Amino acid sequence: MIISINKVAKRYSGVWILKEGSGEFSSPNVVAIIGRNGEGKSTLVKIVSGVVKADGGSVFIDG
């Protein structure tokens, strides 16, 4: 499985939580998303899983 993320963005109440997040991930690799509190790690995972809708950008799973 390949997940491709291109310039994904999300904001809440006018504040950018995630801005232009990009990357490509493929199995069987293990990926760690690291950063400080409030930098959009959980939001990115929620966007990829479909729980939250992105305000911009694109997510492709297996093409």
PDB file of N, CA and C in Angstrom:
ATOM      1  N   MET A   1       0.843  -1.176   0.000  1.00  0.00           N
ATOM      2  CA  MET A   1       0.000   0.000   0.000  1.00  0.00           C
ATOM      3  C   MET A   1       0.886   1.236   0.000  1.00  0.00           C
ATOM      4  N   ILE A   2       0.518   2.222  -0.786  1.00  0.00           N
ATOM      5  CA  ILE A   2       1.238   3.493  -0.838  1.00  0.00           C
ATOM      6  C   ILE A   2       0.259   4.614  -0.498  1.00  0.00           C
ATOM      7  N   ILE A   3       0.664   5.476   0.416  1.00  0.00           N
ATOM      8  CA  ILE A   3      -0.118   6.659   0.762  1.00  0.00           C
ATOM      9  C   ILE A   3       0.694   7.871   0.352  1.00  0.00           C
ATOM     10  N   SER A   4       0.093   8.716  -0.467  1.00  0.00           N
ATOM     11  CA  SER A   4       0.755   9.929  -0.931  1.00  0.00           C
ATOM     12  C   SER A   4      -0.035  11.141  -0.446  1.00  0.00           C
ATOM     13  N   ILE A   5       0.649  12.054   0.224  1.00  0.00           N
ATOM     14  CA  ILE A   5       0.033  13.256   0.773  1.00  0.00           C
ATOM     15  C   ILE A   5       0.691  14.452   0.096  1.00  0.00           C
ATOM     16  N   ASN A   6      -0.133  15.348  -0.459  1.00  0.00           N
ATOM     17  CA  ASN A   6       0.415  16.482  -1.192  1.00  0.00           C
ATOM     18  C   ASN A   6      -0.197  17.790  -0.699  1.00  0.00           C
ATOM     19  N   LYS A   7       0.602  18.599  -0.017  1.00  0.00           N
ATOM     20  CA  LYS A   7       0.222  19.931   0.457  1.00  0.00           C
ATOM     21  C   LYS A   7      -1.099  19.940   1.232  1.00  0.00           C
ATOM     22  N   VAL A   8      -1.263  18.998   2.154  1.00  0.00           N
ATOM     23  CA  VAL A   8      -2.472  18.915   2.964  1.00  0.00           C
ATOM     24  C   VAL A   8      -2.470  20.047   3.984  1.00  0.00           C
ATOM     25  N   ALA A   9      -3.622  20.704   4.132  1.00  0.00           N
ATOM     26  CA  ALA A   9      -3.738  21.828   5.055  1.00  0.00           C
ATOM     27  C   ALA A   9      -5.035  21.726   5.850  1.00  0.00           C
ATOM     28  N   LYS A  10      -4.982  22.202   7.095  1.00  0.00           N
ATOM     29  CA  LYS A  10      -6.169  22.223   7.951  1.00  0.00           C
ATOM     30  C   LYS A  10      -6.050  23.383   8.916  1.00  0.00           C
ATOM     31  N   ARG A  11      -7.164  24.085   9.133  1.00  0.00           N
ATOM     32  CA  ARG A  11      -7.177  25.148  10.127  1.00  0.00           C
ATOM     33  C   ARG A  11      -8.445  25.057  10.957  1.00  0.00           C
ATOM     34  N   TYR A  12      -8.332  25.477  12.182  1.00  0.00           N
ATOM     35  CA  TYR A  12      -9.450  25.541  13.114  1.00  0.00           C
ATOM     36  C   TYR A  12      -9.546  26.966  13.631  1.00  0.00           C
ATOM     37  N   SER A  13     -10.731  27.541  13.534  1.00  0.00           N
ATOM     38  CA  SER A  13     -10.975  28.916  14.011  1.00  0.00           C
ATOM     39  C   SER A  13      -9.964  29.911  13.441  1.00  0.00           C
ATOM     40  N   GLY A  14      -9.616  29.729  12.169  1.00  0.00           N
ATOM     41  CA  GLY A  14      -8.705  30.650  11.502  1.00  0.00           C
ATOM     42  C   GLY A  14      -7.230  30.434  11.775  1.00  0.00           C
ATOM     43  N   VAL A  15      -6.891  29.450  12.616  1.00  0.00           N
ATOM     44  CA  VAL A  15      -5.488  29.172  12.948  1.00  0.00           C
ATOM     45  C   VAL A  15      -5.040  27.932  12.177  1.00  0.00           C
ATOM     46  N   TRP A  16      -3.946  28.060  11.435  1.00  0.00           N
ATOM     47  CA  TRP A  16      -3.423  26.926  10.679  1.00  0.00           C
ATOM     48  C   TRP A  16      -2.819  25.903  11.637  1.00  0.00           C
ATOM     49  N   ILE A  17      -3.382  24.703  11.652  1.00  0.00           N
ATOM     50  CA  ILE A  17      -2.866  23.615  12.459  1.00  0.00           C
ATOM     51  C   ILE A  17      -1.884  22.790  11.632  1.00  0.00           C
ATOM     52  N   LEU A  18      -2.209  22.642  10.373  1.00  0.00           N
ATOM     53  CA  LEU A  18      -1.372  21.875   9.446  1.00  0.00           C
ATOM     54  C   LEU A  18      -1.330  22.648   8.139  1.00  0.00           C
ATOM     55  N   LYS A  19      -0.137  22.942   7.645  1.00  0.00           N
ATOM     56  CA  LYS A  19      -0.016  23.749   6.433  1.00  0.00           C
ATOM     57  C   LYS A  19       0.997  23.109   5.490  1.00  0.00           C
ATOM     58  N   GLU A  20       0.516  22.698   4.330  1.00  0.00           N
ATOM     59  CA  GLU A  20       1.348  22.115   3.275  1.00  0.00           C
ATOM     60  C   GLU A  20       2.108  20.877   3.726  1.00  0.00           C
ATOM     61  N   GLY A  21       1.417  19.968   4.411  1.00  0.00           N
ATOM     62  CA  GLY A  21       2.022  18.696   4.786  1.00  0.00           C
ATOM     63  C   GLY A  21       2.119  17.780   3.582  1.00  0.00           C
ATOM     64  N   SER A  22       3.302  17.261   3.294  1.00  0.00           N
ATOM     65  CA  SER A  22       3.504  16.394   2.137  1.00  0.00           C
ATOM     66  C   SER A  22       4.389  15.211   2.505  1.00  0.00           C
ATOM     67  N   GLY A  23       4.190  14.111   1.794  1.00  0.00           N
ATOM     68  CA  GLY A  23       5.028  12.943   2.003  1.00  0.00           C
ATOM     69  C   GLY A  23       4.471  11.731   1.289  1.00  0.00           C
ATOM     70  N   GLU A  24       5.277  10.697   1.215  1.00  0.00           N
ATOM     71  CA  GLU A  24       4.846   9.442   0.599  1.00  0.00           C
ATOM     72  C   GLU A  24       5.300   8.304   1.499  1.00  0.00           C
ATOM     73  N   PHE A  25       4.375   7.396   1.790  1.00  0.00           N
ATOM     74  CA  PHE A  25       4.629   6.299   2.716  1.00  0.00           C
ATOM     75  C   PHE A  25       4.222   4.993   2.064  1.00  0.00           C
ATOM     76  N   SER A  26       5.043   3.967   2.191  1.00  0.00           N
ATOM     77  CA  SER A  26       4.699   2.675   1.603  1.00  0.00           C
ATOM     78  C   SER A  26       4.980   1.556   2.598  1.00  0.00           C
ATOM     79  N   SER A  27       4.187   0.490   2.492  1.00  0.00           N
ATOM     80  CA  SER A  27       4.403  -0.660   3.374  1.00  0.00           C
ATOM     81  C   SER A  27       5.508  -1.514   2.775  1.00  0.00           C
ATOM     82  N   PRO A  28       6.221  -2.241   3.553  1.00  0.00           N
ATOM     83  CA  PRO A  28       6.060  -2.547   4.971  1.00  0.00           C
ATOM     84  C   PRO A  28       6.851  -1.621   5.884  1.00  0.00           C
ATOM     85  N   ASN A  29       7.167  -0.415   5.440  1.00  0.00           N
ATOM     86  CA  ASN A  29       7.956   0.515   6.249  1.00  0.00           C
ATOM     87  C   ASN A  29       7.186   0.977   7.476  1.00  0.00           C
ATOM     88  N   VAL A  30       7.905   1.240   8.548  1.00  0.00           N
ATOM     89  CA  VAL A  30       7.334   1.815   9.756  1.00  0.00           C
ATOM     90  C   VAL A  30       7.666   3.308   9.743  1.00  0.00           C
ATOM     91  N   VAL A  31       6.654   4.135   9.974  1.00  0.00           N
ATOM     92  CA  VAL A  31       6.834   5.584   9.918  1.00  0.00           C
ATOM     93  C   VAL A  31       6.489   6.183  11.268  1.00  0.00           C
ATOM     94  N   ALA A  32       7.307   7.115  11.721  1.00  0.00           N
ATOM     95  CA  ALA A  32       7.018   7.863  12.938  1.00  0.00           C
ATOM     96  C   ALA A  32       6.843   9.330  12.571  1.00  0.00           C
ATOM     97  N   ILE A  33       5.779   9.921  13.056  1.00  0.00           N
ATOM     98  CA  ILE A  33       5.544  11.348  12.856  1.00  0.00           C
ATOM     99  C   ILE A  33       5.838  12.009  14.198  1.00  0.00           C
ATOM    100  N   ILE A  34       6.858  12.855  14.214  1.00  0.00           N
ATOM    101  CA  ILE A  34       7.276  13.458  15.476  1.00  0.00           C
ATOM    102  C   ILE A  34       7.195  14.971  15.388  1.00  0.00           C
ATOM    103  N   GLY A  35       7.028  15.600  16.527  1.00  0.00           N
ATOM    104  CA  GLY A  35       6.980  17.052  16.596  1.00  0.00           C
ATOM    105  C   GLY A  35       6.456  17.492  17.940  1.00  0.00           C
ATOM    106  N   ARG A  36       6.460  18.784  18.140  1.00  0.00           N
ATOM    107  CA  ARG A  36       5.987  19.352  19.400  1.00  0.00           C
ATOM    108  C   ARG A  36       4.461  19.329  19.457  1.00  0.00           C
ATOM    109  N   ASN A  37       3.933  19.600  20.639  1.00  0.00           N
ATOM    110  CA  ASN A  37       2.482  19.673  20.811  1.00  0.00           C
ATOM    111  C   ASN A  37       1.895  20.749  19.909  1.00  0.00           C
ATOM    112  N   GLY A  38       0.765  20.423  19.285  1.00  0.00           N
ATOM    113  CA  GLY A  38       0.063  21.394  18.461  1.00  0.00           C
ATOM    114  C   GLY A  38       0.604  21.582  17.067  1.00  0.00           C
ATOM    115  N   GLU A  39       1.463  20.701  16.592  1.00  0.00           N
ATOM    116  CA  GLU A  39       2.047  20.862  15.262  1.00  0.00           C
ATOM    117  C   GLU A  39       1.316  20.087  14.174  1.00  0.00           C
ATOM    118  N   GLY A  40       0.201  19.424  14.506  1.00  0.00           N
ATOM    119  CA  GLY A  40      -0.629  18.808  13.476  1.00  0.00           C
ATOM    120  C   GLY A  40      -0.432  17.327  13.245  1.00  0.00           C
ATOM    121  N   LYS A  41       0.277  16.645  14.118  1.00  0.00           N
ATOM    122  CA  LYS A  41       0.513  15.198  13.933  1.00  0.00           C
ATOM    123  C   LYS A  41      -0.786  14.411  13.951  1.00  0.00           C
ATOM    124  N   SER A  42      -1.578  14.606  14.980  1.00  0.00           N
ATOM    125  CA  SER A  42      -2.855  13.887  15.087  1.00  0.00           C
ATOM    126  C   SER A  42      -3.814  14.314  13.982  1.00  0.00           C
ATOM    127  N   THR A  43      -3.804  15.585  13.653  1.00  0.00           N
ATOM    128  CA  THR A  43      -4.668  16.080  12.584  1.00  0.00           C
ATOM    129  C   THR A  43      -4.314  15.421  11.255  1.00  0.00           C
ATOM    130  N   LEU A  44      -3.041  15.259  10.960  1.00  0.00           N
ATOM    131  CA  LEU A  44      -2.615  14.598   9.732  1.00  0.00           C
ATOM    132  C   LEU A  44      -3.120  13.159   9.679  1.00  0.00           C
ATOM    133  N   VAL A  45      -2.987  12.429  10.774  1.00  0.00           N
ATOM    134  CA  VAL A  45      -3.462  11.045  10.820  1.00  0.00           C
ATOM    135  C   VAL A  45      -4.975  11.005  10.653  1.00  0.00           C
ATOM    136  N   LYS A  46      -5.688  11.939  11.258  1.00  0.00           N
ATOM    137  CA  LYS A  46      -7.150  11.985  11.123  1.00  0.00           C
ATOM    138  C   LYS A  46      -7.569  12.299   9.695  1.00  0.00           C
ATOM    139  N   ILE A  47      -6.834  13.146   9.008  1.00  0.00           N
ATOM    140  CA  ILE A  47      -7.140  13.460   7.609  1.00  0.00           C
ATOM    141  C   ILE A  47      -6.909  12.236   6.732  1.00  0.00           C
ATOM    142  N   VAL A  48      -5.788  11.556   6.908  1.00  0.00           N
ATOM    143  CA  VAL A  48      -5.477  10.370   6.101  1.00  0.00           C
ATOM    144  C   VAL A  48      -6.510   9.267   6.337  1.00  0.00           C
ATOM    145  N   SER A  49      -6.969   9.122   7.580  1.00  0.00           N
ATOM    146  CA  SER A  49      -7.936   8.066   7.899  1.00  0.00           C
ATOM    147  C   SER A  49      -9.366   8.452   7.551  1.00  0.00           C
ATOM    148  N   GLY A  50      -9.610   9.712   7.190  1.00  0.00           N
ATOM    149  CA  GLY A  50     -10.942  10.135   6.775  1.00  0.00           C
ATOM    150  C   GLY A  50     -11.831  10.648   7.887  1.00  0.00           C
ATOM    151  N   VAL A  51     -11.298  10.800   9.085  1.00  0.00           N
ATOM    152  CA  VAL A  51     -12.086  11.294  10.221  1.00  0.00           C
ATOM    153  C   VAL A  51     -12.318  12.803  10.103  1.00  0.00           C
ATOM    154  N   VAL A  52     -11.316  13.521   9.594  1.00  0.00           N
ATOM    155  CA  VAL A  52     -11.377  14.974   9.443  1.00  0.00           C
ATOM    156  C   VAL A  52     -11.151  15.315   7.980  1.00  0.00           C
ATOM    157  N   LYS A  53     -11.896  16.296   7.468  1.00  0.00           N
ATOM    158  CA  LYS A  53     -11.718  16.737   6.086  1.00  0.00           C
ATOM    159  C   LYS A  53     -10.675  17.846   6.016  1.00  0.00           C
ATOM    160  N   ALA A  54      -9.752  17.715   5.078  1.00  0.00           N
ATOM    161  CA  ALA A  54      -8.703  18.722   4.900  1.00  0.00           C
ATOM    162  C   ALA A  54      -9.289  19.978   4.260  1.00  0.00           C
ATOM    163  N   ASP A  55      -8.705  21.131   4.556  1.00  0.00           N
ATOM    164  CA  ASP A  55      -9.100  22.381   3.934  1.00  0.00           C
ATOM    165  C   ASP A  55      -8.393  22.597   2.596  1.00  0.00           C
ATOM    166  N   GLY A  56      -7.378  21.805   2.327  1.00  0.00           N
ATOM    167  CA  GLY A  56      -6.659  21.930   1.067  1.00  0.00           C
ATOM    168  C   GLY A  56      -5.729  20.761   0.880  1.00  0.00           C
ATOM    169  N   GLY A  57      -5.231  20.590  -0.326  1.00  0.00           N
ATOM    170  CA  GLY A  57      -4.303  19.510  -0.624  1.00  0.00           C
ATOM    171  C   GLY A  57      -5.013  18.237  -1.023  1.00  0.00           C
ATOM    172  N   SER A  58      -4.248  17.144  -1.124  1.00  0.00           N
ATOM    173  CA  SER A  58      -4.822  15.875  -1.572  1.00  0.00           C
ATOM    174  C   SER A  58      -4.138  14.702  -0.865  1.00  0.00           C
ATOM    175  N   VAL A  59      -4.922  13.629  -0.722  1.00  0.00           N
ATOM    176  CA  VAL A  59      -4.426  12.382  -0.152  1.00  0.00           C
ATOM    177  C   VAL A  59      -4.799  11.268  -1.115  1.00  0.00           C
ATOM    178  N   PHE A  60      -3.822  10.484  -1.533  1.00  0.00           N
ATOM    179  CA  PHE A  60      -4.067   9.351  -2.423  1.00  0.00           C
ATOM    180  C   PHE A  60      -3.615   8.072  -1.733  1.00  0.00           C
ATOM    181  N   ILE A  61      -4.484   7.073  -1.727  1.00  0.00           N
ATOM    182  CA  ILE A  61      -4.157   5.781  -1.167  1.00  0.00           C
ATOM    183  C   ILE A  61      -4.199   4.760  -2.299  1.00  0.00           C
ATOM    184  N   ASP A  62      -3.077   4.111  -2.559  1.00  0.00           N
ATOM    185  CA  ASP A  62      -2.920   3.175  -3.679  1.00  0.00           C
ATOM    186  C   ASP A  62      -3.284   3.825  -5.003  1.00  0.00           C
ATOM    187  N   GLY A  63      -2.792   5.027  -5.223  1.00  0.00           N
ATOM    188  CA  GLY A  63      -2.990   5.704  -6.495  1.00  0.00           C
ATOM    189  C   GLY A  63      -4.185   6.585  -6.478  1.00  0.00           C
TER     190      GLY A  63
END
